[in-house]
Amino acid sequence: MALSSYILEQALRQLRLPESTLRQFAIASDLSDVGGRGFPSELFQLSAPVIVRGLLNFAVFQMRRNWTYPVWVHRQLDPDDPAYTARSHNPIFVNITHRNWTLLGGPHGPHEAIVDRHGLATPLPREWSVDTWLFTDAGAYFPSREAPPQQDLDTSAPTLRTAHSAHGFEIMQEHFVGTTNHHVDVLFQKVVVRNVRQEHQRATLALAIRPFNPEGVAPIERMAIDGRRFLVVNGMLGLVLAEEPDAVLLSNADRGDLAELLRRGHGPDAALRSDPVHLSSETCSTGLAHGCALFDLDLAPGQSRTVHSSVALGTERSLRSVSARRTWRGSYDQRLQRHKATWAPELSAGARLQLPHEDLQRMLDANRLALLQLHDKDMITPGPFLYHHMWYRDAATMCRALQLEYDEVPERIVEIAAPSGAAADVMRQISRD
């Protein structure tokens, strides 16, 4: 047995596990042996956080059923939902049904954010997420508790749009990752709320920092407000608002979920009045500190209100050195135009494949964007989240695709003739799926 496996086995013995369990671990280690080194350390580094998070999920989600979580949690805990997963004595609770999200990054930056099917944005690798809620006289709208909204990816430059409809309002989210003049990748978000009824309506829009993500609990032990436009998370600059909100609320495990506290009040005025305490900082030993910025809306028929925000991407070490600057009020539209200009030369290079079927062309273009975003300078990774590591198996195929993308040859355009017969049927089925 390799030294690392031996040390791990001794640690397991301290937990007083049965000998049969220790024997099974030894067999698994032997079967997984690579080059006499025991269980591959890379796989252990990948799997151990999943297992630990699964244990934490089990402890949190089942004990606080009235909290608002990412969509997969509600679905897997609902016995009437097709995604329901029976747990019995299994102490590990992980997302196995809704692993569907869109990555957003720059063409050369090492970090990507993800946005799930319901608009929940997770600025990796920091793990906590930003959700968007709406409170009206008719009730509260939490995207993760509703049917999936419409989503569309702009393949001319990776920009994701998520369209919601709630209580006479249309909510449009737009996300993209741009690079600042200081070479920091930033996730930019625009939220537009529009009154689609033929009467005045009032509502409260909430941008919420949540201690959860598509994998589960992402502990937040400390949250603070810095000048009302800046929310600091675990000592690092978190959400940056382009304008001051009407209120900022913080809470923790003891005070309860702000989603539920605000939901009880329903209407916009009542939602603000239900604020238990206005705090400038909050701590939580169980990692469930959270907060939200509230914006009052008073909209005439057809009128809309736009709220801009951003979150820097990076490692914990790099972001701890970033401080809030009062002058951070850059134009969203200007940043979006710069984003498109940055991607234009990247997408004009290399081979191009033209397909006759519009849906298949969009699928191809989206996958091309994903490939370029996952090329992180001197490293290539097969995914933005769990698989954001270097794997030779995946890199071999991806590098071949990048070779075609960046070949120093004149631009090649390959036109595929419209298929017929069985091939056409297959393509139509793929586009429907």
Protein backbone atom coordinates (compact mmCIF):
# COMPACT_ATOMS: atom_id res chain seq x y z
CA MET A 1 0.00 0.00 0.00
CA ALA A 2 1.28 3.47 -0.89
CA LEU A 3 2.24 5.78 1.96
CA SER A 4 -0.59 8.22 1.19
CA SER A 5 -3.17 5.41 1.24
CA TYR A 6 -1.71 4.08 4.50
CA ILE A 7 -1.96 7.48 6.17
CA LEU A 8 -5.56 7.86 5.00
CA GLU A 9 -6.42 4.39 6.30
CA GLN A 10 -5.00 5.25 9.72
CA ALA A 11 -7.09 8.41 9.76
CA LEU A 12 -10.18 6.34 8.98
CA ARG A 13 -9.33 3.97 11.83
CA GLN A 14 -9.52 6.91 14.21
CA LEU A 15 -13.18 7.19 13.22
CA ARG A 16 -13.68 3.63 14.48
CA LEU A 17 -14.91 2.33 11.16
CA PRO A 18 -15.56 -1.42 10.92
CA GLU A 19 -12.71 -3.60 9.71
CA SER A 20 -14.82 -4.65 6.72
CA THR A 21 -15.04 -1.01 5.63
CA LEU A 22 -11.29 -0.54 6.00
CA ARG A 23 -10.72 -3.68 3.96
CA GLN A 24 -12.97 -2.38 1.21
CA PHE A 25 -11.02 0.86 1.19
CA ALA A 26 -7.74 -1.06 0.84
CA ILE A 27 -9.14 -3.06 -2.09
CA ALA A 28 -10.38 0.10 -3.78
CA SER A 29 -6.94 1.66 -3.31
CA ASP A 30 -5.23 -1.37 -4.84
CA LEU A 31 -7.60 -1.49 -7.79
CA SER A 32 -7.07 2.23 -8.42
CA ASP A 33 -3.29 2.04 -8.08
CA VAL A 34 -1.35 4.03 -10.66
CA GLY A 35 2.42 3.52 -10.84
CA GLY A 36 2.64 2.15 -7.33
CA ARG A 37 1.32 5.37 -5.81
CA GLY A 38 -2.06 4.13 -4.69
CA PHE A 39 -5.30 5.97 -5.36
CA PRO A 40 -4.58 8.85 -7.78
CA SER A 41 -4.24 12.03 -5.73
CA GLU A 42 -5.80 14.09 -8.53
CA LEU A 43 -9.02 12.10 -8.32
CA PHE A 44 -9.01 12.36 -4.54
CA GLN A 45 -8.63 16.15 -4.79
CA LEU A 46 -11.61 16.18 -7.16
CA SER A 47 -13.82 13.75 -5.25
CA ALA A 48 -13.16 14.74 -1.64
CA PRO A 49 -14.75 18.22 -1.93
CA VAL A 50 -17.80 16.66 -3.60
CA ILE A 51 -18.24 14.20 -0.74
CA VAL A 52 -17.72 16.83 1.95
CA ARG A 53 -20.13 19.22 0.25
CA GLY A 54 -22.63 16.38 -0.07
CA LEU A 55 -22.48 15.85 3.69
CA LEU A 56 -22.97 19.57 4.29
CA ASN A 57 -25.89 19.67 1.84
CA PHE A 58 -27.55 16.80 3.67
CA ALA A 59 -27.27 18.67 6.97
CA VAL A 60 -28.51 22.02 5.66
CA PHE A 61 -31.17 21.45 2.99
CA GLN A 62 -33.32 18.90 4.79
CA MET A 63 -33.33 20.84 8.05
CA ARG A 64 -34.33 24.20 6.53
CA ARG A 65 -37.07 23.31 4.06
CA ASN A 66 -38.61 26.82 3.98
CA TRP A 67 -35.43 28.41 2.59
CA THR A 68 -35.05 29.24 -1.11
CA TYR A 69 -32.34 27.18 -2.80
CA PRO A 70 -31.09 26.55 -6.34
CA VAL A 71 -33.67 24.77 -8.47
CA TRP A 72 -32.11 21.30 -8.22
CA VAL A 73 -32.52 21.22 -4.42
CA HIS A 74 -36.26 21.88 -4.55
CA ARG A 75 -36.75 19.33 -7.31
CA GLN A 76 -34.75 16.55 -5.67
CA LEU A 77 -36.52 17.06 -2.34
CA ASP A 78 -40.02 17.03 -3.87
CA PRO A 79 -41.57 13.53 -3.96
CA ASP A 80 -44.00 14.68 -6.68
CA ASP A 81 -41.20 15.86 -8.98
CA PRO A 82 -39.63 13.56 -11.61
CA ALA A 83 -36.21 14.63 -10.28
CA TYR A 84 -36.96 13.41 -6.76
CA THR A 85 -34.12 11.33 -5.30
CA ALA A 86 -34.80 8.93 -2.44
CA ARG A 87 -32.11 9.36 0.23
CA SER A 88 -32.90 6.86 2.98
CA HIS A 89 -29.69 6.44 5.01
CA ASN A 90 -27.48 7.97 2.32
CA PRO A 91 -25.82 10.96 4.07
CA ILE A 92 -24.58 12.55 0.83
CA PHE A 93 -26.90 14.90 -1.07
CA VAL A 94 -25.54 16.19 -4.40
CA ASN A 95 -26.95 17.57 -7.64
CA ILE A 96 -27.46 14.64 -9.98
CA THR A 97 -30.47 15.89 -11.96
CA HIS A 98 -29.95 19.54 -12.97
CA ARG A 99 -26.32 19.83 -14.03
CA ASN A 100 -27.18 22.32 -16.72
CA TRP A 101 -25.54 25.75 -16.83
CA THR A 102 -23.85 28.16 -19.21
CA LEU A 103 -20.24 29.21 -18.80
CA LEU A 104 -19.21 32.82 -19.38
CA GLY A 105 -15.60 33.94 -19.64
CA GLY A 106 -13.07 35.85 -21.68
CA PRO A 107 -11.03 34.47 -24.59
CA HIS A 108 -7.82 34.38 -22.53
CA GLY A 109 -8.82 34.78 -18.87
CA PRO A 110 -8.28 31.90 -16.42
CA HIS A 111 -11.67 32.18 -14.73
CA GLU A 112 -15.23 31.55 -15.88
CA ALA A 113 -18.56 32.29 -14.25
CA ILE A 114 -21.62 30.08 -14.69
CA VAL A 115 -25.32 30.93 -14.94
CA ASP A 116 -27.83 28.16 -14.36
CA ARG A 117 -31.05 27.48 -16.25
CA HIS A 118 -33.02 29.83 -13.97
CA GLY A 119 -30.61 32.79 -14.04
CA LEU A 120 -28.67 32.05 -10.84
CA ALA A 121 -25.15 33.45 -11.43
CA THR A 122 -22.13 31.88 -9.73
CA PRO A 123 -18.87 33.86 -10.09
CA LEU A 124 -16.37 31.03 -9.74
CA PRO A 125 -14.22 30.03 -8.03
CA ARG A 126 -15.75 31.84 -5.08
CA GLU A 127 -18.80 29.60 -5.13
CA TRP A 128 -21.52 31.84 -3.66
CA SER A 129 -24.17 33.00 -6.11
CA VAL A 130 -26.25 36.03 -7.08
CA ASP A 131 -29.99 35.50 -7.51
CA THR A 132 -32.73 37.86 -8.74
CA TRP A 133 -36.13 38.07 -7.02
CA LEU A 134 -39.22 40.22 -7.44
CA PHE A 135 -41.83 41.12 -4.80
CA THR A 136 -45.21 42.49 -5.85
CA ASP A 137 -48.68 42.93 -4.38
CA ALA A 138 -49.57 39.61 -6.04
CA GLY A 139 -46.77 37.73 -4.28
CA ALA A 140 -43.10 36.86 -4.52
CA TYR A 141 -41.25 35.54 -7.56
CA PHE A 142 -38.29 33.24 -6.94
CA PRO A 143 -36.95 31.84 -10.27
CA SER A 144 -35.72 28.57 -8.74
CA ARG A 145 -39.27 27.75 -7.57
CA GLU A 146 -40.86 28.40 -10.97
CA ALA A 147 -40.84 26.84 -14.44
CA PRO A 148 -37.65 27.41 -16.45
CA PRO A 149 -37.52 30.86 -18.09
CA GLN A 150 -36.45 31.51 -21.66
CA GLN A 151 -32.68 31.66 -22.23
CA ASP A 152 -30.70 32.72 -25.26
CA LEU A 153 -26.93 32.80 -25.85
CA ASP A 154 -25.56 35.47 -28.17
CA THR A 155 -22.87 33.58 -30.10
CA SER A 156 -21.37 36.73 -31.66
CA ALA A 157 -19.80 37.23 -28.20
CA PRO A 158 -20.71 35.08 -25.17
CA THR A 159 -23.65 36.97 -23.67
CA LEU A 160 -26.49 35.14 -21.94
CA ARG A 161 -30.04 36.54 -21.75
CA THR A 162 -32.65 35.08 -19.39
CA ALA A 163 -36.28 36.24 -19.74
CA HIS A 164 -38.77 35.81 -16.87
CA SER A 165 -42.46 36.65 -16.61
CA ALA A 166 -44.01 37.29 -13.19
CA HIS A 167 -47.18 39.01 -11.91
CA GLY A 168 -47.53 41.40 -14.84
CA PHE A 169 -43.83 42.14 -15.12
CA GLU A 170 -41.16 41.01 -17.57
CA ILE A 171 -37.68 40.52 -16.10
CA MET A 172 -34.73 40.36 -18.46
CA GLN A 173 -31.30 39.36 -17.16
CA GLU A 174 -28.17 39.77 -19.24
CA HIS A 175 -24.76 38.40 -18.23
CA PHE A 176 -21.32 38.57 -19.80
CA VAL A 177 -17.69 38.50 -18.62
CA GLY A 178 -15.48 41.42 -19.62
CA THR A 179 -11.90 42.36 -18.81
CA THR A 180 -11.12 45.67 -17.09
CA ASN A 181 -8.18 47.97 -17.83
CA HIS A 182 -6.40 46.31 -14.89
CA HIS A 183 -6.75 42.89 -16.56
CA VAL A 184 -9.36 41.61 -14.09
CA ASP A 185 -12.19 39.48 -15.46
CA VAL A 186 -15.56 40.73 -14.21
CA LEU A 187 -19.04 39.25 -14.48
CA PHE A 188 -21.41 42.05 -15.49
CA GLN A 189 -25.16 41.76 -15.01
CA LYS A 190 -28.03 43.89 -16.26
CA VAL A 191 -31.55 43.37 -14.94
CA VAL A 192 -34.45 45.11 -16.70
CA VAL A 193 -37.93 45.00 -15.12
CA ARG A 194 -40.79 46.13 -17.38
CA ASN A 195 -44.45 46.68 -16.53
CA VAL A 196 -46.50 44.86 -19.20
CA ARG A 197 -49.93 45.70 -17.79
CA GLN A 198 -52.10 48.67 -18.73
CA GLU A 199 -51.96 50.11 -15.23
CA HIS A 200 -49.42 51.48 -12.77
CA GLN A 201 -47.61 48.79 -10.80
CA ARG A 202 -45.23 48.83 -7.88
CA ALA A 203 -42.71 46.17 -6.99
CA THR A 204 -39.40 45.55 -5.24
CA LEU A 205 -36.47 44.05 -7.12
CA ALA A 206 -33.91 42.15 -5.04
CA LEU A 207 -30.36 41.19 -5.99
CA ALA A 208 -29.49 38.51 -3.46
CA ILE A 209 -26.13 37.04 -2.50
CA ARG A 210 -26.80 33.41 -1.63
CA PRO A 211 -24.55 30.91 0.20
CA PHE A 212 -25.46 28.24 -2.38
CA ASN A 213 -24.55 27.24 -5.93
CA PRO A 214 -25.41 24.44 -8.40
CA GLU A 215 -23.33 22.01 -6.32
CA GLY A 216 -24.80 22.91 -2.94
CA VAL A 217 -23.84 24.96 0.10
CA ALA A 218 -21.08 27.55 -0.42
CA PRO A 219 -20.43 28.83 3.13
CA ILE A 220 -20.48 32.57 3.79
CA GLU A 221 -19.29 33.30 7.31
CA ARG A 222 -19.07 37.09 7.03
CA MET A 223 -20.95 39.71 5.05
CA ALA A 224 -20.63 43.47 5.23
CA ILE A 225 -21.90 46.61 3.50
CA ASP A 226 -19.29 49.11 2.36
CA GLY A 227 -20.84 52.40 1.32
CA ARG A 228 -24.20 50.80 0.30
CA ARG A 229 -23.01 50.06 -3.25
CA PHE A 230 -20.51 47.39 -2.24
CA LEU A 231 -21.26 44.06 -0.56
CA VAL A 232 -18.22 42.36 0.95
CA VAL A 233 -18.28 38.56 1.22
CA ASN A 234 -15.89 36.65 3.50
CA GLY A 235 -13.56 39.63 3.55
CA MET A 236 -13.46 39.99 -0.25
CA LEU A 237 -15.20 42.51 -2.44
CA GLY A 238 -18.35 40.81 -3.70
CA LEU A 239 -21.28 42.44 -5.45
CA VAL A 240 -20.74 45.95 -6.84
CA LEU A 241 -23.88 47.96 -7.62
CA ALA A 242 -23.90 50.75 -10.19
CA GLU A 243 -26.34 52.78 -8.06
CA GLU A 244 -27.34 52.88 -4.44
CA PRO A 245 -30.26 50.56 -3.57
CA ASP A 246 -33.20 51.66 -1.46
CA ALA A 247 -32.22 49.18 1.23
CA VAL A 248 -29.63 46.47 1.93
CA LEU A 249 -30.60 43.62 4.25
CA LEU A 250 -28.32 41.04 5.86
CA SER A 251 -29.23 37.87 7.72
CA ASN A 252 -27.87 34.52 8.90
CA ALA A 253 -29.03 31.08 9.98
CA ASP A 254 -30.44 32.35 13.28
CA ARG A 255 -32.40 35.27 11.81
CA GLY A 256 -33.72 33.17 8.95
CA ASP A 257 -33.79 33.28 5.17
CA LEU A 258 -34.40 36.76 3.77
CA ALA A 259 -36.38 35.17 0.94
CA GLU A 260 -38.93 33.91 3.43
CA LEU A 261 -38.90 37.07 5.56
CA LEU A 262 -39.57 39.21 2.51
CA ARG A 263 -42.11 36.80 1.05
CA ARG A 264 -44.33 37.08 4.10
CA GLY A 265 -44.82 40.80 3.45
CA HIS A 266 -45.71 40.32 -0.24
CA GLY A 267 -46.11 43.93 -1.46
CA PRO A 268 -43.12 46.25 -1.98
CA ASP A 269 -43.85 48.47 1.03
CA ALA A 270 -44.46 45.51 3.32
CA ALA A 271 -41.33 43.81 2.01
CA LEU A 272 -39.18 46.71 3.13
CA ARG A 273 -40.97 47.00 6.46
CA SER A 274 -40.37 43.31 7.18
CA ASP A 275 -36.63 43.96 7.44
CA PRO A 276 -35.80 42.59 10.92
CA VAL A 277 -32.69 44.71 11.49
CA HIS A 278 -30.66 47.05 9.32
CA LEU A 279 -27.11 45.86 9.83
CA SER A 280 -23.81 46.94 8.33
CA SER A 281 -22.29 43.49 8.85
CA GLU A 282 -23.36 39.96 9.68
CA THR A 283 -21.59 36.77 10.74
CA CYS A 284 -22.68 33.15 10.79
CA SER A 285 -20.68 30.28 12.24
CA THR A 286 -22.64 27.79 10.11
CA GLY A 287 -21.81 29.59 6.85
CA LEU A 288 -25.34 30.78 6.03
CA ALA A 289 -24.79 34.52 6.12
CA HIS A 290 -26.46 36.21 3.14
CA GLY A 291 -27.84 39.52 2.00
CA CYS A 292 -29.79 41.35 -0.68
CA ALA A 293 -30.04 44.81 -2.17
CA LEU A 294 -33.59 46.09 -2.68
CA PHE A 295 -34.73 48.50 -5.38
CA ASP A 296 -38.22 50.08 -5.23
CA LEU A 297 -40.02 50.15 -8.58
CA ASP A 298 -42.97 52.38 -9.49
CA LEU A 299 -43.67 51.78 -13.17
CA ALA A 300 -46.27 53.19 -15.54
CA PRO A 301 -47.69 50.92 -18.27
CA GLY A 302 -44.84 49.89 -20.57
CA GLN A 303 -42.22 51.59 -18.39
CA SER A 304 -39.07 49.76 -17.31
CA ARG A 305 -36.25 50.10 -14.76
CA THR A 306 -32.69 48.88 -15.28
CA VAL A 307 -30.25 47.85 -12.53
CA HIS A 308 -26.57 47.11 -13.22
CA SER A 309 -24.16 45.13 -11.05
CA SER A 310 -20.85 43.31 -11.32
CA VAL A 311 -18.65 40.76 -9.54
CA ALA A 312 -14.89 40.33 -10.03
CA LEU A 313 -13.60 36.84 -10.87
CA GLY A 314 -10.37 35.47 -9.50
CA THR A 315 -8.69 33.52 -6.74
CA GLU A 316 -9.24 34.31 -3.08
CA ARG A 317 -5.68 35.60 -2.80
CA SER A 318 -5.97 38.02 -5.72
CA LEU A 319 -9.38 39.34 -4.72
CA ARG A 320 -8.47 40.08 -1.12
CA SER A 321 -6.20 42.83 -2.41
CA VAL A 322 -9.04 44.48 -4.37
CA SER A 323 -10.69 47.37 -2.56
CA ALA A 324 -13.85 49.27 -3.42
CA ARG A 325 -13.40 52.44 -5.46
CA ARG A 326 -16.14 55.04 -5.24
CA THR A 327 -15.62 55.92 -8.91
CA TRP A 328 -16.65 52.47 -10.16
CA ARG A 329 -19.64 53.47 -12.25
CA GLY A 330 -18.54 52.34 -15.71
CA SER A 331 -21.15 52.30 -18.47
CA TYR A 332 -22.61 48.85 -18.99
CA ASP A 333 -23.25 49.52 -22.67
CA GLN A 334 -19.67 50.67 -23.24
CA ARG A 335 -18.34 47.56 -21.51
CA LEU A 336 -20.63 45.39 -23.64
CA GLN A 337 -19.34 47.01 -26.83
CA ARG A 338 -15.76 46.46 -25.69
CA HIS A 339 -16.68 42.85 -24.92
CA LYS A 340 -17.94 42.34 -28.47
CA ALA A 341 -14.86 44.05 -29.94
CA THR A 342 -12.60 41.75 -27.91
CA TRP A 343 -14.30 38.64 -29.27
CA ALA A 344 -14.52 39.74 -32.91
CA PRO A 345 -10.91 38.85 -33.89
CA GLU A 346 -11.08 35.59 -31.93
CA LEU A 347 -14.16 34.40 -33.81
CA SER A 348 -12.94 35.58 -37.23
CA ALA A 349 -9.83 33.37 -37.10
CA GLY A 350 -9.49 29.71 -38.02
CA ALA A 351 -11.86 27.32 -39.72
CA ARG A 352 -15.58 27.99 -40.05
CA LEU A 353 -18.26 25.41 -40.53
CA GLN A 354 -21.57 26.46 -42.07
CA LEU A 355 -24.61 24.23 -41.57
CA PRO A 356 -27.95 24.59 -43.35
CA HIS A 357 -29.97 24.01 -40.17
CA GLU A 358 -30.15 27.17 -38.03
CA ASP A 359 -30.47 25.34 -34.70
CA LEU A 360 -27.51 23.09 -35.44
CA GLN A 361 -25.45 26.12 -36.48
CA ARG A 362 -26.21 27.78 -33.15
CA MET A 363 -25.24 24.61 -31.30
CA LEU A 364 -21.95 24.48 -33.19
CA ASP A 365 -21.23 28.18 -32.56
CA ALA A 366 -22.03 27.81 -28.86
CA ASN A 367 -19.66 24.88 -28.52
CA ARG A 368 -16.95 26.82 -30.34
CA LEU A 369 -17.37 29.65 -27.83
CA ALA A 370 -17.14 27.19 -24.94
CA LEU A 371 -13.91 25.76 -26.33
CA LEU A 372 -12.32 29.20 -26.61
CA GLN A 373 -13.47 30.26 -23.13
CA LEU A 374 -12.02 27.10 -21.57
CA HIS A 375 -8.61 27.90 -23.07
CA ASP A 376 -7.12 29.58 -19.97
CA LYS A 377 -3.83 31.01 -21.24
CA ASP A 378 -1.32 28.19 -20.58
CA MET A 379 -3.94 25.63 -19.53
CA ILE A 380 -7.04 24.09 -21.06
CA THR A 381 -9.86 22.65 -18.96
CA PRO A 382 -12.91 20.57 -19.95
CA GLY A 383 -15.33 22.50 -17.74
CA PRO A 384 -15.81 25.73 -15.77
CA PHE A 385 -16.88 24.19 -12.48
CA LEU A 386 -16.09 20.74 -11.10
CA TYR A 387 -13.84 19.90 -14.05
CA HIS A 388 -11.87 23.15 -14.01
CA HIS A 389 -8.62 21.19 -13.97
CA MET A 390 -6.12 20.02 -16.55
CA TRP A 391 -6.89 16.49 -17.80
CA TYR A 392 -4.73 14.94 -20.52
CA ARG A 393 -7.58 12.87 -21.91
CA ASP A 394 -9.85 15.86 -22.51
CA ALA A 395 -7.03 18.21 -23.45
CA ALA A 396 -5.90 15.96 -26.30
CA THR A 397 -9.23 16.33 -28.10
CA MET A 398 -9.65 19.99 -27.20
CA CYS A 399 -6.16 20.91 -28.40
CA ARG A 400 -6.88 19.28 -31.74
CA ALA A 401 -10.00 21.43 -32.06
CA LEU A 402 -8.02 24.52 -31.07
CA GLN A 403 -5.40 23.66 -33.67
CA LEU A 404 -8.09 23.87 -36.32
CA GLU A 405 -9.34 27.08 -34.73
CA TYR A 406 -5.94 28.81 -34.68
CA ASP A 407 -4.19 27.25 -37.69
CA GLU A 408 -2.18 29.92 -39.45
CA VAL A 409 -3.78 29.33 -42.82
CA PRO A 410 -6.24 31.39 -44.85
CA GLU A 411 -9.75 31.28 -43.48
CA ARG A 412 -11.52 28.10 -44.49
CA ILE A 413 -15.27 27.92 -44.89
CA VAL A 414 -16.81 24.49 -45.13
CA GLU A 415 -20.38 24.35 -46.41
CA ILE A 416 -22.41 21.27 -45.61
CA ALA A 417 -25.18 20.41 -48.06
CA ALA A 418 -28.68 20.14 -46.67
CA PRO A 419 -29.21 16.53 -45.56
CA SER A 420 -32.04 14.39 -46.77
CA GLY A 421 -33.74 11.18 -45.76
CA ALA A 422 -32.58 9.58 -42.51
CA ALA A 423 -29.86 12.20 -41.96
CA ALA A 424 -32.44 14.98 -42.08
CA ASP A 425 -34.63 13.12 -39.59
CA VAL A 426 -31.70 12.75 -37.19
CA MET A 427 -30.87 16.47 -37.43
CA ARG A 428 -34.47 17.46 -36.78
CA GLN A 429 -34.58 15.18 -33.75
CA ILE A 430 -31.34 16.67 -32.38
CA SER A 431 -32.68 20.20 -32.77
CA ARG A 432 -35.89 19.26 -30.94
CA ASP A 433 -33.96 17.65 -28.09
